C-alpha atoms as a PDB file:
ATOM      1  CA  MET A   1     -14.514  15.791  -8.931  1.00  0.00           C
ATOM      2  CA  ASP A   2     -15.954  12.164  -9.818  1.00  0.00           C
ATOM      3  CA  LEU A   3     -13.375  10.011 -11.567  1.00  0.00           C
ATOM      4  CA  HIS A   4     -14.720   6.718 -12.723  1.00  0.00           C
ATOM      5  CA  LYS A   5     -12.392   5.808 -15.648  1.00  0.00           C
ATOM      6  CA  ILE A   6      -8.642   6.576 -15.550  1.00  0.00           C
ATOM      7  CA  ALA A   7      -6.109   5.932 -18.444  1.00  0.00           C
ATOM      8  CA  TYR A   8      -2.642   4.957 -18.019  1.00  0.00           C
ATOM      9  CA  GLN A   9       0.279   3.996 -20.146  1.00  0.00           C
ATOM     10  CA  GLY A  10       0.968   0.427 -20.754  1.00  0.00           C
ATOM     11  CA  GLU A  11      -0.245  -3.043 -20.543  1.00  0.00           C
ATOM     12  CA  PRO A  12      -1.964  -4.486 -17.518  1.00  0.00           C
ATOM     13  CA  GLY A  13       0.656  -5.286 -14.989  1.00  0.00           C
ATOM     14  CA  ALA A  14       2.353  -1.755 -15.883  1.00  0.00           C
ATOM     15  CA  PHE A  15       3.803   0.579 -13.233  1.00  0.00           C
ATOM     16  CA  SER A  16       1.394   3.087 -14.130  1.00  0.00           C
ATOM     17  CA  GLU A  17      -1.225   0.643 -13.413  1.00  0.00           C
ATOM     18  CA  GLU A  18       0.124  -0.211 -10.133  1.00  0.00           C
ATOM     19  CA  ALA A  19       0.369   3.722  -9.331  1.00  0.00           C
ATOM     20  CA  ALA A  20      -3.419   4.290 -10.367  1.00  0.00           C
ATOM     21  CA  ARG A  21      -4.389   1.480  -7.846  1.00  0.00           C
ATOM     22  CA  LYS A  22      -2.397   2.696  -5.198  1.00  0.00           C
ATOM     23  CA  LEU A  23      -3.747   6.387  -5.591  1.00  0.00           C
ATOM     24  CA  MET A  24      -7.425   5.629  -6.418  1.00  0.00           C
ATOM     25  CA  ASP A  25     -10.366   3.742  -5.146  1.00  0.00           C
ATOM     26  CA  GLN A  26     -10.053   0.018  -6.148  1.00  0.00           C
ATOM     27  CA  SER A  27     -13.436   0.043  -7.960  1.00  0.00           C
ATOM     28  CA  ILE A  28     -12.286   2.529 -10.384  1.00  0.00           C
ATOM     29  CA  GLU A  29     -12.026   1.369 -13.947  1.00  0.00           C
ATOM     30  CA  LEU A  30      -8.562   1.686 -15.552  1.00  0.00           C
ATOM     31  CA  ARG A  31      -7.929   1.797 -19.433  1.00  0.00           C
ATOM     32  CA  PRO A  32      -4.313   0.838 -20.680  1.00  0.00           C
ATOM     33  CA  CYS A  33      -3.079   3.126 -23.563  1.00  0.00           C
ATOM     34  CA  VAL A  34      -0.441   2.411 -25.895  1.00  0.00           C
ATOM     35  CA  SER A  35       1.252   5.670 -25.522  1.00  0.00           C
ATOM     36  CA  PHE A  36       1.322   8.891 -23.158  1.00  0.00           C
ATOM     37  CA  ASP A  37      -0.332  10.744 -26.209  1.00  0.00           C
ATOM     38  CA  ALA A  38      -3.089   8.203 -26.414  1.00  0.00           C
ATOM     39  CA  MET A  39      -3.739   8.866 -22.601  1.00  0.00           C
ATOM     40  CA  PHE A  40      -4.049  12.380 -22.868  1.00  0.00           C
ATOM     41  CA  GLU A  41      -6.187  12.147 -26.155  1.00  0.00           C
ATOM     42  CA  ALA A  42      -8.593   9.685 -24.028  1.00  0.00           C
ATOM     43  CA  VAL A  43      -9.122  12.231 -21.528  1.00  0.00           C
ATOM     44  CA  LYS A  44      -9.455  15.087 -24.020  1.00  0.00           C
ATOM     45  CA  SER A  45     -12.202  13.092 -26.216  1.00  0.00           C
ATOM     46  CA  GLY A  46     -14.167  12.476 -22.704  1.00  0.00           C
ATOM     47  CA  ASP A  47     -13.403   8.582 -22.877  1.00  0.00           C
ATOM     48  CA  CYS A  48     -11.613   8.719 -19.603  1.00  0.00           C
ATOM     49  CA  ASP A  49     -11.945  11.284 -16.735  1.00  0.00           C
ATOM     50  CA  ALA A  50      -8.262  11.484 -16.074  1.00  0.00           C
ATOM     51  CA  CYS A  51      -4.894   9.898 -16.491  1.00  0.00           C
ATOM     52  CA  ILE A  52      -2.029   8.616 -14.331  1.00  0.00           C
ATOM     53  CA  VAL A  53       1.185  10.419 -15.698  1.00  0.00           C
ATOM     54  CA  PRO A  54       4.562   9.658 -14.787  1.00  0.00           C
ATOM     55  CA  ILE A  55       6.425  13.082 -14.412  1.00  0.00           C
ATOM     56  CA  GLU A  56       9.443  12.543 -12.149  1.00  0.00           C
ATOM     57  CA  ASN A  57      11.574   9.758 -11.631  1.00  0.00           C
ATOM     58  CA  SER A  58      14.394   9.618  -8.821  1.00  0.00           C
ATOM     59  CA  LEU A  59      16.410   7.229 -11.344  1.00  0.00           C
ATOM     60  CA  ALA A  60      16.019   8.666 -14.734  1.00  0.00           C
ATOM     61  CA  GLY A  61      14.841  12.256 -13.903  1.00  0.00           C
ATOM     62  CA  SER A  62      12.110  14.172 -15.235  1.00  0.00           C
ATOM     63  CA  VAL A  63       9.795  12.647 -18.115  1.00  0.00           C
ATOM     64  CA  HIS A  64       9.988  15.920 -20.149  1.00  0.00           C
ATOM     65  CA  ALA A  65       7.726  14.780 -22.758  1.00  0.00           C
ATOM     66  CA  ASN A  66       4.897  14.521 -20.377  1.00  0.00           C
ATOM     67  CA  TYR A  67       5.267  18.069 -18.939  1.00  0.00           C
ATOM     68  CA  ASP A  68       4.896  19.193 -22.564  1.00  0.00           C
ATOM     69  CA  LEU A  69       1.794  17.029 -22.880  1.00  0.00           C
ATOM     70  CA  LEU A  70       0.267  18.536 -19.871  1.00  0.00           C
ATOM     71  CA  LEU A  71       0.497  21.780 -21.268  1.00  0.00           C
ATOM     72  CA  GLN A  72      -0.447  21.015 -24.637  1.00  0.00           C
ATOM     73  CA  TYR A  73      -3.875  19.541 -23.312  1.00  0.00           C
ATOM     74  CA  ASP A  74      -4.352  22.023 -20.720  1.00  0.00           C
ATOM     75  CA  LEU A  75      -4.668  19.354 -18.052  1.00  0.00           C
ATOM     76  CA  HIS A  76      -3.772  20.019 -14.449  1.00  0.00           C
ATOM     77  CA  ILE A  77      -2.162  17.786 -11.730  1.00  0.00           C
ATOM     78  CA  ILE A  78      -4.968  16.558  -9.128  1.00  0.00           C
ATOM     79  CA  GLY A  79      -2.762  14.150  -6.944  1.00  0.00           C
ATOM     80  CA  GLU A  80       0.494  12.517  -6.530  1.00  0.00           C
ATOM     81  CA  VAL A  81       1.808   9.211  -5.569  1.00  0.00           C
ATOM     82  CA  PHE A  82       5.086   7.862  -4.995  1.00  0.00           C
ATOM     83  CA  LEU A  83       5.810   4.342  -6.258  1.00  0.00           C
ATOM     84  CA  ARG A  84       9.071   2.349  -5.636  1.00  0.00           C
ATOM     85  CA  ILE A  85      10.232   0.857  -9.169  1.00  0.00           C
ATOM     86  CA  VAL A  86      11.900  -2.498  -8.985  1.00  0.00           C
ATOM     87  CA  HIS A  87      12.858  -3.795 -12.532  1.00  0.00           C
ATOM     88  CA  ASN A  88      13.522  -7.428 -13.335  1.00  0.00           C
ATOM     89  CA  LEU A  89      15.093  -8.945 -16.312  1.00  0.00           C
ATOM     90  CA  ILE A  90      12.856 -11.708 -17.721  1.00  0.00           C
ATOM     91  CA  ALA A  91      13.890 -14.547 -20.309  1.00  0.00           C
ATOM     92  CA  LEU A  92      12.246 -17.690 -21.420  1.00  0.00           C
ATOM     93  CA  SER A  93      12.848 -20.861 -19.257  1.00  0.00           C
ATOM     94  CA  GLY A  94      16.379 -22.222 -19.469  1.00  0.00           C
ATOM     95  CA  VAL A  95      17.961 -19.229 -20.963  1.00  0.00           C
ATOM     96  CA  LYS A  96      21.123 -18.163 -19.144  1.00  0.00           C
ATOM     97  CA  PHE A  97      22.325 -14.576 -18.494  1.00  0.00           C
ATOM     98  CA  ASP A  98      25.217 -14.876 -20.817  1.00  0.00           C
ATOM     99  CA  GLN A  99      22.925 -15.958 -23.496  1.00  0.00           C
ATOM    100  CA  VAL A 100      21.108 -12.728 -23.354  1.00  0.00           C
ATOM    101  CA  LYS A 101      21.848 -10.348 -26.231  1.00  0.00           C
ATOM    102  CA  ARG A 102      18.937  -7.691 -26.142  1.00  0.00           C
ATOM    103  CA  VAL A 103      16.783  -6.028 -23.563  1.00  0.00           C
ATOM    104  CA  TYR A 104      13.282  -4.800 -24.571  1.00  0.00           C
ATOM    105  CA  SER A 105      11.669  -2.152 -22.366  1.00  0.00           C
ATOM    106  CA  HIS A 106      10.147   1.307 -22.171  1.00  0.00           C
ATOM    107  CA  PRO A 107      12.680   3.990 -22.720  1.00  0.00           C
ATOM    108  CA  VAL A 108      12.386   5.381 -19.216  1.00  0.00           C
ATOM    109  CA  ALA A 109      12.966   1.988 -17.664  1.00  0.00           C
ATOM    110  CA  LEU A 110      16.182   1.588 -19.960  1.00  0.00           C
ATOM    111  CA  ALA A 111      17.287   4.703 -18.667  1.00  0.00           C
ATOM    112  CA  GLN A 112      16.383   3.846 -14.884  1.00  0.00           C
ATOM    113  CA  CYS A 113      18.772   0.692 -15.469  1.00  0.00           C
ATOM    114  CA  ARG A 114      21.549   2.657 -17.088  1.00  0.00           C
ATOM    115  CA  GLY A 115      24.019   1.331 -14.257  1.00  0.00           C
ATOM    116  CA  PHE A 116      23.092  -2.218 -15.033  1.00  0.00           C
ATOM    117  CA  PHE A 117      23.910  -1.487 -18.828  1.00  0.00           C
ATOM    118  CA  ARG A 118      27.126   0.163 -18.094  1.00  0.00           C
ATOM    119  CA  GLU A 119      28.247  -3.078 -16.251  1.00  0.00           C
ATOM    120  CA  ASN A 120      26.739  -5.189 -19.160  1.00  0.00           C
ATOM    121  CA  LYS A 121      27.747  -3.291 -22.314  1.00  0.00           C
ATOM    122  CA  HIS A 122      27.023  -6.420 -24.282  1.00  0.00           C
ATOM    123  CA  LEU A 123      23.477  -6.102 -23.907  1.00  0.00           C
ATOM    124  CA  GLU A 124      21.716  -4.157 -26.696  1.00  0.00           C
ATOM    125  CA  GLN A 125      18.824  -1.651 -25.408  1.00  0.00           C
ATOM    126  CA  ILE A 126      15.819  -1.812 -27.635  1.00  0.00           C
ATOM    127  CA  ALA A 127      13.162   0.667 -26.829  1.00  0.00           C
ATOM    128  CA  GLU A 128       9.392  -0.632 -26.860  1.00  0.00           C
ATOM    129  CA  TYR A 129       6.108   1.098 -25.896  1.00  0.00           C
ATOM    130  CA  ASP A 130       5.934  -0.699 -22.501  1.00  0.00           C
ATOM    131  CA  THR A 131       7.927  -2.602 -20.061  1.00  0.00           C
ATOM    132  CA  ALA A 132       5.226  -5.144 -18.861  1.00  0.00           C
ATOM    133  CA  GLY A 133       4.049  -5.162 -22.676  1.00  0.00           C
ATOM    134  CA  SER A 134       7.830  -6.161 -23.693  1.00  0.00           C
ATOM    135  CA  VAL A 135       7.509  -9.471 -21.756  1.00  0.00           C
ATOM    136  CA  LYS A 136       4.896 -10.587 -24.433  1.00  0.00           C
ATOM    137  CA  LEU A 137       7.736 -10.257 -27.144  1.00  0.00           C
ATOM    138  CA  LEU A 138       9.611 -13.363 -25.716  1.00  0.00           C
END
Protein backbone atom coordinates (compact mmCIF):
# COMPACT_ATOMS: atom_id res chain seq x y z
CA MET A 1 0.00 0.00 0.00
CA ASP A 2 1.44 3.36 -1.03
CA LEU A 3 0.96 5.99 1.61
CA HIS A 4 1.64 9.54 0.51
CA LYS A 5 -0.59 11.71 2.70
CA ILE A 6 -1.24 10.97 6.38
CA ALA A 7 -3.75 12.73 8.64
CA TYR A 8 -3.12 13.33 12.33
CA GLN A 9 -5.05 15.11 15.07
CA GLY A 10 -3.62 18.39 16.24
CA GLU A 11 -1.38 21.26 15.26
CA PRO A 12 2.13 20.90 13.86
CA GLY A 13 4.25 19.84 16.82
CA ALA A 14 1.53 17.55 18.22
CA PHE A 15 2.51 14.17 19.62
CA SER A 16 0.59 12.49 16.79
CA GLU A 17 2.75 14.33 14.26
CA GLU A 18 5.84 13.10 16.10
CA ALA A 19 4.46 9.54 16.01
CA ALA A 20 3.79 9.84 12.26
CA ARG A 21 7.34 11.04 11.61
CA LYS A 22 8.74 8.18 13.70
CA LEU A 23 6.63 5.56 11.91
CA MET A 24 6.61 6.79 8.32
CA ASP A 25 9.14 7.82 5.69
CA GLN A 26 10.22 11.42 6.23
CA SER A 27 9.09 12.41 2.72
CA ILE A 28 5.45 11.64 3.54
CA GLU A 29 3.02 14.58 3.55
CA LEU A 30 1.33 15.11 6.92
CA ARG A 31 -2.04 16.84 7.28
CA PRO A 32 -3.09 18.27 10.65
CA CYS A 33 -6.77 17.83 11.58
CA VAL A 34 -8.78 19.58 14.29
CA SER A 35 -10.36 16.39 15.65
CA PHE A 36 -10.17 12.62 15.55
CA ASP A 37 -13.41 12.62 13.53
CA ALA A 38 -11.84 14.94 10.95
CA MET A 39 -8.89 12.56 10.58
CA PHE A 40 -11.12 9.61 9.81
CA GLU A 41 -13.23 11.72 7.46
CA ALA A 42 -10.07 12.75 5.57
CA VAL A 43 -9.29 9.08 4.93
CA LYS A 44 -12.88 8.21 4.02
CA SER A 45 -13.06 11.08 1.52
CA GLY A 46 -9.77 10.06 -0.10
CA ASP A 47 -8.05 13.30 0.88
CA CYS A 48 -5.56 11.22 2.92
CA ASP A 49 -4.32 7.66 2.53
CA ALA A 50 -4.24 6.86 6.25
CA CYS A 51 -4.26 8.47 9.67
CA ILE A 52 -2.18 8.17 12.82
CA VAL A 53 -4.58 7.22 15.62
CA PRO A 54 -3.73 7.09 19.31
CA ILE A 55 -5.58 4.13 20.78
CA GLU A 56 -3.61 3.10 23.87
CA ASN A 57 -1.87 5.13 26.48
CA SER A 58 0.12 3.82 29.43
CA LEU A 59 -0.84 6.84 31.55
CA ALA A 60 -4.48 7.47 30.61
CA GLY A 61 -5.54 4.04 29.32
CA SER A 62 -7.46 3.30 26.13
CA VAL A 63 -8.75 6.07 23.89
CA HIS A 64 -12.16 4.40 23.50
CA ALA A 65 -13.55 6.99 21.08
CA ASN A 66 -10.88 6.06 18.55
CA TYR A 67 -11.72 2.35 18.77
CA ASP A 68 -15.30 3.34 17.98
CA LEU A 69 -14.15 5.46 15.01
CA LEU A 70 -12.07 2.56 13.64
CA LEU A 71 -15.23 0.45 13.59
CA GLN A 72 -17.49 3.25 12.33
CA TYR A 73 -15.22 4.06 9.38
CA ASP A 74 -14.26 0.41 8.76
CA LEU A 75 -10.53 1.17 8.91
CA HIS A 76 -7.85 -1.28 9.98
CA ILE A 77 -4.61 -0.96 11.92
CA ILE A 78 -1.62 -1.40 9.58
CA GLY A 79 1.23 -0.33 11.87
CA GLU A 80 2.18 0.52 15.40
CA VAL A 81 4.52 2.99 17.02
CA PHE A 82 5.46 3.56 20.64
CA LEU A 83 6.08 7.14 21.65
CA ARG A 84 7.29 8.41 25.01
CA ILE A 85 5.15 11.37 26.02
CA VAL A 86 6.60 14.15 28.15
CA HIS A 87 4.34 17.06 29.05
CA ASN A 88 5.52 20.55 29.89
CA LEU A 89 3.64 23.33 31.64
CA ILE A 90 4.13 26.42 29.47
CA ALA A 91 3.38 30.02 30.48
CA LEU A 92 4.23 33.48 29.26
CA SER A 93 7.65 34.84 30.21
CA GLY A 94 7.73 36.13 33.77
CA VAL A 95 4.70 34.14 35.00
CA LYS A 96 5.46 32.24 38.20
CA PHE A 97 3.90 28.86 38.95
CA ASP A 98 1.81 30.22 41.82
CA GLN A 99 0.23 32.71 39.39
CA VAL A 100 -1.05 29.96 37.08
CA LYS A 101 -4.80 29.39 37.50
CA ARG A 102 -5.84 27.36 34.43
CA VAL A 103 -4.25 24.65 32.28
CA TYR A 104 -5.46 24.20 28.70
CA SER A 105 -4.75 20.94 26.88
CA HIS A 106 -6.24 17.97 25.04
CA PRO A 107 -8.46 15.81 27.31
CA VAL A 108 -6.12 12.81 26.97
CA ALA A 109 -3.12 14.94 27.98
CA LEU A 110 -5.02 16.26 30.99
CA ALA A 111 -5.82 12.66 31.97
CA GLN A 112 -2.15 11.72 31.57
CA CYS A 113 -1.28 14.43 34.09
CA ARG A 114 -3.86 13.46 36.72
CA GLY A 115 -1.15 12.92 39.37
CA PHE A 116 0.12 16.46 38.83
CA PHE A 117 -3.42 17.85 39.13
CA ARG A 118 -4.05 15.84 42.31
CA GLU A 119 -1.04 17.60 43.84
CA ASN A 120 -2.09 21.01 42.45
CA LYS A 121 -5.82 21.18 43.10
CA HIS A 122 -5.87 24.96 42.59
CA LEU A 123 -5.36 24.50 38.83
CA GLU A 124 -8.48 24.45 36.69
CA GLN A 125 -8.27 21.97 33.80
CA ILE A 126 -9.75 23.19 30.52
CA ALA A 127 -10.06 20.73 27.64
CA GLU A 128 -9.01 21.99 24.20
CA TYR A 129 -8.77 20.28 20.83
CA ASP A 130 -4.97 19.92 20.91
CA THR A 131 -2.06 20.10 23.32
CA ALA A 132 0.31 21.88 20.92
CA GLY A 133 -2.52 24.16 19.80
CA SER A 134 -3.25 25.15 23.40
CA VAL A 135 0.04 27.04 23.52
CA LYS A 136 -1.42 29.45 20.96
CA LEU A 137 -3.98 30.53 23.58
CA LEU A 138 -1.30 32.18 25.72
